[in-house]
């Protein structure tokens, strides 16, 4: 039959890719090494680390090596010109070439700027820590996504196994009823019923196979795996990790370990640096400029042409060369007396930004406590639901075993037995979902309290 072929192809396709074992710790390790978001944040941390230097803070001098070349051709028309101890009236001279080369070394150094350089260095340190805090948040979010993505794939795989068992059971029933029909001990309606059950179970299995593949794709994206349909043998299963949590202990962990709150404190430190730097503008600035400049000037009149009125004038043959070296050191004291109150406004604005930052810290604390309270209640509710669903599955499993014997003995009909089958299937699926929901709540609590990445 066609539907049998479809299921066989679906089962075979799962084995197209070579499977390798993958534990949860291995998945997290791969994600930390290859995840694109984490790599981007690590690059940002490296940039912030490079910027955290005294040179970037403005405390080190600026040294430059300059070179200047001046070249000109001069045509002179002067009333008198002095050459070789004589004065020549009505002097005119064309094509006089003047060249000079001036190499120099210059040092510019701000010796005191109201302490801004030290505050700026502290600000760069805080920016580096803030960048690392951003990276820690990205890492925590990625680890949370990997853990839940891993368990989701495990959940979908176990669901697939449940649907497969259901399919195998309905297949056996269908074949059994088919034989009975051929022998005349069963009617056609019974065969059609089992065929319908078999087809429905086939549809459920195929749909669940798609869900499993989607979960694999999502996990492989988090692991930056180029083969996004790569399949694994998951060594960590959905396990019953029932744990009684103490709310007071969770609150203490949140206040000391929450990564979002730590990052907000670092942002607040940067805002405080801005206030100190704005106040430093009220203080004077002392800077020095020092260096050495060497000049070589050449006055070449060997090709010059005299066009004056004196017939006795003769241009000298030599070229005049002048060399000069100059050392210099200058100091500048600058103090802002008035600039339209811009300094005061900058200080006031920086203080307002710091106050806003304090409000954001308080707002974040309140929001995190609200989230923790919700996660705590959610965990306890899901724990109760899981325990209930676990009992339901046990009861449904026992009922299925009893009903299977009754069906074979003819005590119950196919309709009743199918109902028992569906109840067990539903109970198994609900227990798996309840267990995954419990794990999801537990991971959320570990994320908000900082425990999820504490040992990474």
Protein backbone atom coordinates (compact mmCIF):
# COMPACT_ATOMS: atom_id res chain seq x y z
CA UNK A 1 0.00 0.00 0.00
CA UNK A 2 1.13 3.58 -0.70
CA UNK A 3 0.98 4.73 2.89
CA UNK A 4 3.18 1.83 3.94
CA UNK A 5 5.75 2.96 1.38
CA UNK A 6 5.59 6.53 2.72
CA UNK A 7 6.30 5.40 6.26
CA UNK A 8 9.14 3.15 5.18
CA UNK A 9 10.71 6.05 3.27
CA UNK A 10 10.30 8.27 6.30
CA UNK A 11 11.96 5.74 8.57
CA UNK A 12 14.79 5.24 6.11
CA UNK A 13 15.40 8.96 5.71
CA UNK A 14 16.23 9.26 9.39
CA UNK A 15 19.28 7.12 8.82
CA UNK A 16 20.61 8.98 5.79
CA UNK A 17 23.01 11.02 7.91
CA UNK A 18 25.56 9.25 10.02
CA UNK A 19 24.59 9.78 13.63
CA UNK A 20 27.07 10.58 16.36
CA UNK A 21 26.44 10.70 20.06
CA UNK A 22 25.86 14.13 21.55
CA UNK A 23 25.56 14.93 25.24
CA UNK A 24 24.18 18.14 26.67
CA UNK A 25 27.63 19.21 27.89
CA UNK A 26 29.08 18.57 24.43
CA UNK A 27 26.31 20.63 22.83
CA UNK A 28 27.01 23.54 25.19
CA UNK A 29 30.75 23.28 24.52
CA UNK A 30 30.20 23.32 20.75
CA UNK A 31 27.86 26.28 21.05
CA UNK A 32 30.32 28.28 23.15
CA UNK A 33 33.07 27.65 20.59
CA UNK A 34 31.13 28.15 17.37
CA UNK A 35 27.95 30.17 17.95
CA UNK A 36 28.02 33.31 15.81
CA UNK A 37 26.46 35.64 18.39
CA UNK A 38 29.07 34.61 20.94
CA UNK A 39 31.91 35.11 18.47
CA UNK A 40 30.62 38.60 17.64
CA UNK A 41 30.48 39.59 21.30
CA UNK A 42 33.96 38.22 21.88
CA UNK A 43 35.16 40.48 19.10
CA UNK A 44 33.47 43.45 20.79
CA UNK A 45 35.20 42.57 24.06
CA UNK A 46 38.54 42.45 22.25
CA UNK A 47 37.93 45.91 20.79
CA UNK A 48 37.04 47.31 24.22
CA UNK A 49 40.17 45.67 25.66
CA UNK A 50 42.34 47.28 22.98
CA UNK A 51 40.83 50.68 23.75
CA UNK A 52 41.57 50.35 27.45
CA UNK A 53 45.01 52.00 27.40
CA UNK A 54 46.67 55.17 28.71
CA UNK A 55 47.27 56.30 25.16
CA UNK A 56 43.55 56.14 24.37
CA UNK A 57 42.84 57.97 27.64
CA UNK A 58 45.03 60.90 26.51
CA UNK A 59 47.77 60.57 29.14
CA UNK A 60 50.68 59.91 26.78
CA UNK A 61 52.44 62.44 24.55
CA UNK A 62 51.94 62.80 20.84
CA UNK A 63 55.23 62.77 18.88
CA UNK A 64 55.35 63.58 15.19
CA UNK A 65 58.07 63.73 12.59
CA UNK A 66 57.39 66.44 10.00
CA UNK A 67 59.16 67.46 6.84
CA UNK A 68 58.54 70.62 4.82
CA UNK A 69 59.96 71.62 1.45
CA UNK A 70 59.50 75.22 0.22
CA UNK A 71 60.32 76.15 -3.38
CA UNK A 72 59.87 79.48 -5.17
CA UNK A 73 61.04 81.57 -8.14
CA UNK A 74 61.19 85.29 -7.39
CA UNK A 75 61.16 88.28 -9.69
CA UNK A 76 62.31 91.35 -7.73
CA UNK A 77 61.80 95.00 -8.50
CA UNK A 78 63.26 97.05 -5.64
CA UNK A 79 64.42 100.61 -5.32
CA UNK A 80 67.80 99.51 -3.93
CA UNK A 81 69.51 96.12 -3.57
CA UNK A 82 72.66 95.31 -1.66
CA UNK A 83 75.14 92.84 -3.23
CA UNK A 84 78.82 92.28 -2.41
CA UNK A 85 79.14 95.42 -0.27
CA UNK A 86 77.54 97.70 -2.89
CA UNK A 87 74.16 99.26 -3.22
CA UNK A 88 72.52 99.27 -6.65
CA UNK A 89 69.64 101.67 -7.30
CA UNK A 90 66.76 100.76 -9.60
CA UNK A 91 67.41 97.07 -9.05
CA UNK A 92 65.48 94.43 -11.04
CA UNK A 93 66.21 90.71 -10.89
CA UNK A 94 64.27 87.86 -12.55
CA UNK A 95 64.40 84.04 -11.95
CA UNK A 96 65.87 84.03 -8.45
CA UNK A 97 65.33 80.47 -7.09
CA UNK A 98 64.80 79.96 -3.34
CA UNK A 99 64.51 76.48 -1.78
CA UNK A 100 64.38 75.26 1.81
CA UNK A 101 64.02 71.90 3.57
CA UNK A 102 62.71 71.91 7.15
CA UNK A 103 62.59 68.52 8.96
CA UNK A 104 61.34 68.67 12.55
CA UNK A 105 60.38 66.51 15.52
CA UNK A 106 57.46 67.80 17.58
CA UNK A 107 56.14 66.69 20.95
CA UNK A 108 52.71 67.69 22.25
CA UNK A 109 51.88 66.55 25.76
CA UNK A 110 48.99 67.46 28.01
CA UNK A 111 50.52 67.49 31.48
CA UNK A 112 47.33 68.23 33.39
CA UNK A 113 43.74 68.38 32.20
CA UNK A 114 41.83 68.48 35.45
CA UNK A 115 42.27 64.74 35.94
CA UNK A 116 40.25 63.87 32.83
CA UNK A 117 42.90 61.45 31.59
CA UNK A 118 42.66 59.38 34.78
CA UNK A 119 38.87 59.47 34.73
CA UNK A 120 38.88 58.57 31.06
CA UNK A 121 41.13 55.58 31.79
CA UNK A 122 38.69 54.45 34.46
CA UNK A 123 35.84 54.94 31.99
CA UNK A 124 37.64 52.74 29.44
CA UNK A 125 38.11 50.07 32.10
CA UNK A 126 34.40 50.21 32.89
CA UNK A 127 33.53 50.08 29.20
CA UNK A 128 35.66 46.97 28.86
CA UNK A 129 33.86 45.39 31.81
CA UNK A 130 30.52 46.51 30.37
CA UNK A 131 31.39 44.90 27.04
CA UNK A 132 32.31 41.70 28.86
CA UNK A 133 28.99 41.95 30.71
CA UNK A 134 27.18 42.14 27.38
CA UNK A 135 29.11 39.09 26.22
CA UNK A 136 28.18 37.22 29.42
CA UNK A 137 24.52 37.98 28.79
CA UNK A 138 24.76 36.72 25.20
CA UNK A 139 26.55 33.60 26.42
CA UNK A 140 23.91 32.98 29.08
CA UNK A 141 21.06 33.45 26.59
CA UNK A 142 22.79 31.16 24.09
CA UNK A 143 23.45 28.47 26.69
CA UNK A 144 19.81 28.65 27.75
CA UNK A 145 18.72 28.32 24.12
CA UNK A 146 21.08 25.38 23.57
CA UNK A 147 19.90 23.54 26.68
CA UNK A 148 16.24 23.99 25.78
CA UNK A 149 16.96 23.25 22.11
CA UNK A 150 18.75 20.05 23.08
CA UNK A 151 15.92 18.90 25.33
CA UNK A 152 13.35 19.90 22.72
CA UNK A 153 15.06 17.64 20.20
CA UNK A 154 15.09 14.87 22.82
CA UNK A 155 11.41 15.52 23.50
CA UNK A 156 10.48 15.31 19.82
CA UNK A 157 12.57 12.14 19.44
CA UNK A 158 10.85 10.47 22.39
CA UNK A 159 7.49 11.58 21.00
CA UNK A 160 8.50 10.00 17.72
CA UNK A 161 9.29 6.77 19.56
CA UNK A 162 5.86 6.86 21.20
CA UNK A 163 4.12 7.36 17.86
CA UNK A 164 6.26 4.60 16.38
CA UNK A 165 5.17 2.16 19.09
CA UNK A 166 1.59 3.18 18.50
CA UNK A 167 2.06 2.66 14.77
CA UNK A 168 3.60 -0.75 15.27
CA UNK A 169 0.74 -1.73 17.53
CA UNK A 170 -1.94 -0.58 15.08
CA UNK A 171 -0.01 -2.33 12.27
CA UNK A 172 -0.09 -5.60 14.17
CA UNK A 173 -3.80 -5.16 14.84
CA UNK A 174 -4.50 -4.38 11.23
CA UNK A 175 -2.61 -7.45 10.00
CA UNK A 176 -4.25 -9.60 12.67
CA UNK A 177 -7.74 -8.41 11.69
CA UNK A 178 -6.92 -8.88 8.01
CA UNK A 179 -6.07 -12.53 8.61
CA UNK A 180 -9.24 -12.99 10.66
CA UNK A 181 -11.29 -11.42 7.87
CA UNK A 182 -9.76 -13.76 5.31
CA UNK A 183 -10.60 -16.70 7.58
CA UNK A 184 -14.16 -15.42 8.02
CA UNK A 185 -13.92 -14.80 11.76
CA UNK A 186 -14.05 -10.99 11.37
CA UNK A 187 -16.29 -8.73 9.34
CA UNK A 188 -15.23 -6.11 6.80
CA UNK A 189 -16.19 -3.22 9.10
CA UNK A 190 -13.63 -4.42 11.65
CA UNK A 191 -10.95 -4.47 8.96
CA UNK A 192 -11.88 -0.97 7.78
CA UNK A 193 -11.72 0.30 11.36
CA UNK A 194 -8.22 -1.09 11.89
CA UNK A 195 -7.14 0.24 8.52
CA UNK A 196 -8.41 3.69 9.49
CA UNK A 197 -6.53 3.49 12.80
CA UNK A 198 -3.39 2.43 10.99
CA UNK A 199 -3.66 5.33 8.55
CA UNK A 200 -4.23 7.88 11.34
CA UNK A 201 -1.23 6.56 13.26
CA UNK A 202 0.82 6.79 10.06
CA UNK A 203 -0.17 10.45 9.67
CA UNK A 204 0.72 11.17 13.29
CA UNK A 205 4.10 9.51 12.86
CA UNK A 206 4.93 11.43 9.69
CA UNK A 207 3.93 14.76 11.27
CA UNK A 208 6.00 13.98 14.34
CA UNK A 209 8.96 13.10 12.15
CA UNK A 210 8.72 16.62 10.68
CA UNK A 211 8.61 18.14 14.17
CA UNK A 212 11.73 16.22 15.10
CA UNK A 213 13.55 17.43 12.02
CA UNK A 214 12.58 21.04 12.77
CA UNK A 215 13.95 20.63 16.31
CA UNK A 216 17.20 19.28 14.86
CA UNK A 217 17.48 22.26 12.51
CA UNK A 218 16.99 24.73 15.36
CA UNK A 219 19.61 22.97 17.48
CA UNK A 220 22.12 22.83 14.64
CA UNK A 221 21.67 26.56 14.01
CA UNK A 222 22.54 27.26 17.65
CA UNK A 223 25.60 25.02 17.33
CA UNK A 224 26.61 26.75 14.06
CA UNK A 225 26.56 23.35 12.35
CA UNK A 226 26.81 23.71 8.57
CA UNK A 227 24.74 20.56 8.05
CA UNK A 228 21.51 21.84 9.56
CA UNK A 229 19.73 18.47 9.23
CA UNK A 230 22.47 16.57 11.02
CA UNK A 231 21.06 13.93 13.31
CA UNK A 232 22.44 12.79 16.65
CA UNK A 233 22.15 10.06 19.18
CA UNK A 234 21.25 12.03 22.28
CA UNK A 235 22.90 10.60 25.38
CA UNK A 236 21.08 12.89 27.85
CA UNK A 237 17.42 12.05 28.12
CA UNK A 238 14.44 13.83 29.61
CA UNK A 239 14.87 12.80 33.21
CA UNK A 240 12.80 13.36 36.30
CA UNK A 241 14.86 15.93 38.22
CA UNK A 242 12.32 16.93 40.83
CA UNK A 243 13.79 19.50 43.19
CA UNK A 244 12.22 21.53 45.97
CA UNK A 245 13.31 25.16 45.56
CA UNK A 246 13.53 27.76 48.32
CA UNK A 247 12.31 31.16 47.19
CA UNK A 248 14.40 33.14 49.70
CA UNK A 249 17.56 31.42 48.54
CA UNK A 250 16.66 32.17 44.92
CA UNK A 251 16.20 35.87 45.70
CA UNK A 252 19.66 36.02 47.29
CA UNK A 253 21.20 34.33 44.27
CA UNK A 254 19.42 36.74 41.94
CA UNK A 255 20.73 39.83 43.72
CA UNK A 256 24.31 38.55 43.65
CA UNK A 257 24.47 36.61 40.41
CA UNK A 258 22.03 37.98 37.84
CA UNK A 259 24.04 38.96 34.76
CA UNK A 260 21.62 41.64 33.56
CA UNK A 261 21.81 43.38 36.93
CA UNK A 262 25.61 43.17 36.99
CA UNK A 263 25.78 44.70 33.55
CA UNK A 264 23.46 47.53 34.63
CA UNK A 265 25.76 48.29 37.56
CA UNK A 266 28.68 48.56 35.13
CA UNK A 267 26.66 50.92 32.95
CA UNK A 268 25.98 53.00 36.04
CA UNK A 269 29.72 53.19 36.76
CA UNK A 270 30.29 54.55 33.25
CA UNK A 271 27.65 57.23 33.86
CA UNK A 272 29.40 58.19 37.09
CA UNK A 273 32.65 58.59 35.14
CA UNK A 274 30.85 60.95 32.78
CA UNK A 275 29.89 63.17 35.73
CA UNK A 276 33.48 63.30 36.98
CA UNK A 277 34.81 64.10 33.50
CA UNK A 278 32.28 66.89 33.06
CA UNK A 279 33.38 68.44 36.37
CA UNK A 280 37.03 68.24 35.31
CA UNK A 281 36.33 70.86 32.62
CA UNK A 282 36.23 73.46 35.39
CA UNK A 283 39.94 72.93 36.10
CA UNK A 284 42.81 74.39 34.06
CA UNK A 285 44.74 72.55 31.38
CA UNK A 286 48.54 72.57 31.20
CA UNK A 287 50.26 71.37 28.07
CA UNK A 288 53.71 71.52 26.57
CA UNK A 289 54.97 71.69 23.01
CA UNK A 290 58.62 70.82 22.47
CA UNK A 291 60.76 69.76 19.56
CA UNK A 292 63.66 70.37 17.25
CA UNK A 293 63.50 72.03 13.86
CA UNK A 294 66.39 72.13 11.37
CA UNK A 295 66.31 74.38 8.31
CA UNK A 296 68.46 74.37 5.20
CA UNK A 297 67.79 77.33 2.88
CA UNK A 298 69.31 77.83 -0.56
CA UNK A 299 69.25 81.05 -2.60
CA UNK A 300 70.30 80.26 -6.17
CA UNK A 301 70.89 83.21 -8.54
CA UNK A 302 73.23 81.49 -10.94
CA UNK A 303 70.55 81.46 -13.60
CA UNK A 304 69.06 84.81 -12.64
CA UNK A 305 68.80 87.65 -15.13
CA UNK A 306 69.50 91.29 -14.23
CA UNK A 307 67.13 93.72 -15.97
CA UNK A 308 67.99 96.89 -14.07
CA UNK A 309 69.42 100.25 -15.22
CA UNK A 310 72.96 99.85 -13.88
CA UNK A 311 75.31 98.70 -16.66
CA UNK A 312 78.14 98.00 -14.16
CA UNK A 313 76.17 95.47 -12.07
CA UNK A 314 77.35 91.86 -12.18
CA UNK A 315 75.60 88.97 -10.38
CA UNK A 316 77.79 86.86 -8.06
CA UNK A 317 78.52 83.26 -9.12
CA UNK A 318 78.10 81.59 -5.75
CA UNK A 319 74.90 80.11 -4.30
CA UNK A 320 73.96 81.24 -0.80
CA UNK A 321 73.28 78.34 1.64
CA UNK A 322 71.97 78.88 5.16
CA UNK A 323 71.61 76.13 7.85
CA UNK A 324 69.83 76.62 11.13
CA UNK A 325 68.84 74.32 14.02
CA UNK A 326 66.28 75.36 16.62
CA UNK A 327 65.30 73.68 19.88
CA UNK A 328 62.10 74.83 21.49
CA UNK A 329 59.94 74.08 24.53
CA UNK A 330 56.72 75.96 25.20
CA UNK A 331 54.13 75.67 27.92
CA UNK A 332 50.47 76.60 27.76
CA UNK A 333 48.09 77.18 30.64
CA UNK A 334 44.44 77.26 29.62
CA UNK A 335 41.54 78.04 31.92
CA UNK A 336 37.96 78.42 30.77
CA UNK A 337 36.52 81.54 32.37
CA UNK A 338 33.18 81.51 30.57
CA UNK A 339 31.77 79.55 27.64
CA UNK A 340 28.08 80.25 27.84
CA UNK A 341 27.62 77.93 30.86
CA UNK A 342 28.22 74.89 28.67
CA UNK A 343 30.36 73.28 31.38
CA UNK A 344 27.63 73.67 34.01
CA UNK A 345 25.01 72.34 31.65
CA UNK A 346 27.21 69.36 30.78
CA UNK A 347 27.67 68.59 34.50
CA UNK A 348 23.95 68.90 35.14
CA UNK A 349 23.08 66.68 32.17
CA UNK A 350 25.61 64.05 33.26
CA UNK A 351 24.12 64.03 36.76
CA UNK A 352 20.63 63.65 35.31
CA UNK A 353 21.83 60.71 33.21
CA UNK A 354 23.32 59.16 36.35
CA UNK A 355 19.99 59.58 38.15
CA UNK A 356 18.20 57.99 35.21
CA UNK A 357 20.65 55.09 35.44
CA UNK A 358 19.82 54.65 39.13
CA UNK A 359 16.14 54.53 38.25
CA UNK A 360 16.86 51.88 35.63
CA UNK A 361 18.71 49.80 38.22
CA UNK A 362 15.71 49.97 40.55
CA UNK A 363 13.35 49.23 37.67
CA UNK A 364 15.41 46.22 36.61
CA UNK A 365 15.52 44.88 40.17
CA UNK A 366 11.74 45.10 40.43
CA UNK A 367 11.28 43.46 37.04
CA UNK A 368 13.71 40.65 37.87
CA UNK A 369 11.99 39.95 41.17
CA UNK A 370 8.68 39.80 39.35
CA UNK A 371 10.11 37.39 36.78
CA UNK A 372 11.67 35.22 39.49
CA UNK A 373 8.38 35.06 41.35
CA UNK A 374 6.60 34.01 38.15
CA UNK A 375 9.25 31.39 37.32
CA UNK A 376 9.06 30.03 40.87
CA UNK A 377 5.28 29.69 40.79
CA UNK A 378 5.44 28.28 37.28
CA UNK A 379 7.99 25.68 38.37
CA UNK A 380 5.86 24.51 41.29
CA UNK A 381 2.72 24.33 39.14
CA UNK A 382 4.55 22.43 36.41
CA UNK A 383 6.02 20.10 39.01
CA UNK A 384 2.52 19.23 40.21
CA UNK A 385 1.30 18.83 36.62
CA UNK A 386 4.19 16.54 35.80
CA UNK A 387 3.53 14.34 38.81
CA UNK A 388 -0.15 14.15 37.85
CA UNK A 389 0.67 13.30 34.24
CA UNK A 390 3.13 10.69 35.41
CA UNK A 391 0.36 8.99 37.39
CA UNK A 392 -1.98 9.28 34.40
CA UNK A 393 0.55 7.56 32.15
CA UNK A 394 1.08 4.76 34.67
CA UNK A 395 -2.65 4.24 34.97
CA UNK A 396 -3.15 4.40 31.21
CA UNK A 397 -0.31 1.91 30.68
CA UNK A 398 -1.80 -0.53 33.15
CA UNK A 399 -5.22 -0.13 31.54
CA UNK A 400 -3.69 -0.78 28.11
CA UNK A 401 -2.12 -4.04 29.27
CA UNK A 402 -5.42 -5.21 30.74
CA UNK A 403 -7.41 -4.12 27.69
CA UNK A 404 -4.97 -5.86 25.36
CA UNK A 405 -5.70 -9.18 27.05
CA UNK A 406 -9.44 -8.46 27.02
CA UNK A 407 -9.31 -7.63 23.32
CA UNK A 408 -7.52 -10.87 22.51
CA UNK A 409 -10.07 -12.82 24.51
CA UNK A 410 -12.94 -10.95 22.85
CA UNK A 411 -14.21 -9.33 26.04
CA UNK A 412 -14.00 -5.82 24.55
CA UNK A 413 -14.41 -4.70 20.95
CA UNK A 414 -12.03 -2.78 18.68
CA UNK A 415 -13.66 0.57 19.41
CA UNK A 416 -13.10 0.26 23.15
CA UNK A 417 -9.56 -1.01 22.69
CA UNK A 418 -8.74 1.86 20.35
CA UNK A 419 -10.00 4.31 22.94
CA UNK A 420 -7.69 2.79 25.54
CA UNK A 421 -4.80 2.99 23.06
CA UNK A 422 -5.45 6.67 22.37
CA UNK A 423 -5.69 7.41 26.08
CA UNK A 424 -2.29 5.86 26.68
CA UNK A 425 -0.79 7.69 23.71
CA UNK A 426 -2.20 10.99 24.93
CA UNK A 427 -0.99 10.33 28.50
CA UNK A 428 2.54 9.52 27.29
CA UNK A 429 2.71 12.64 25.13
CA UNK A 430 1.38 14.80 27.96
CA UNK A 431 3.91 13.38 30.43
CA UNK A 432 6.79 14.12 28.05
CA UNK A 433 5.53 17.65 27.46
CA UNK A 434 5.03 18.20 31.19
CA UNK A 435 8.57 17.03 31.88
CA UNK A 436 9.97 19.35 29.22
CA UNK A 437 7.95 22.25 30.65
CA UNK A 438 9.39 21.47 34.09
CA UNK A 439 12.92 21.52 32.69
CA UNK A 440 12.15 24.80 30.89
CA UNK A 441 11.09 26.45 34.16
CA UNK A 442 14.12 25.13 35.98
CA UNK A 443 16.49 26.43 33.29
CA UNK A 444 14.76 29.83 33.39
CA UNK A 445 15.31 30.01 37.16
CA UNK A 446 18.97 29.06 36.78
CA UNK A 447 19.38 31.71 34.07
CA UNK A 448 17.84 34.54 36.10
CA UNK A 449 19.86 33.67 39.22
CA UNK A 450 23.14 33.39 37.30
CA UNK A 451 23.57 29.69 38.05
CA UNK A 452 23.31 28.57 34.43
CA UNK A 453 26.74 29.87 33.41
CA UNK A 454 28.37 30.03 36.82
CA UNK A 455 30.96 27.33 36.10
CA UNK A 456 31.59 28.13 32.41
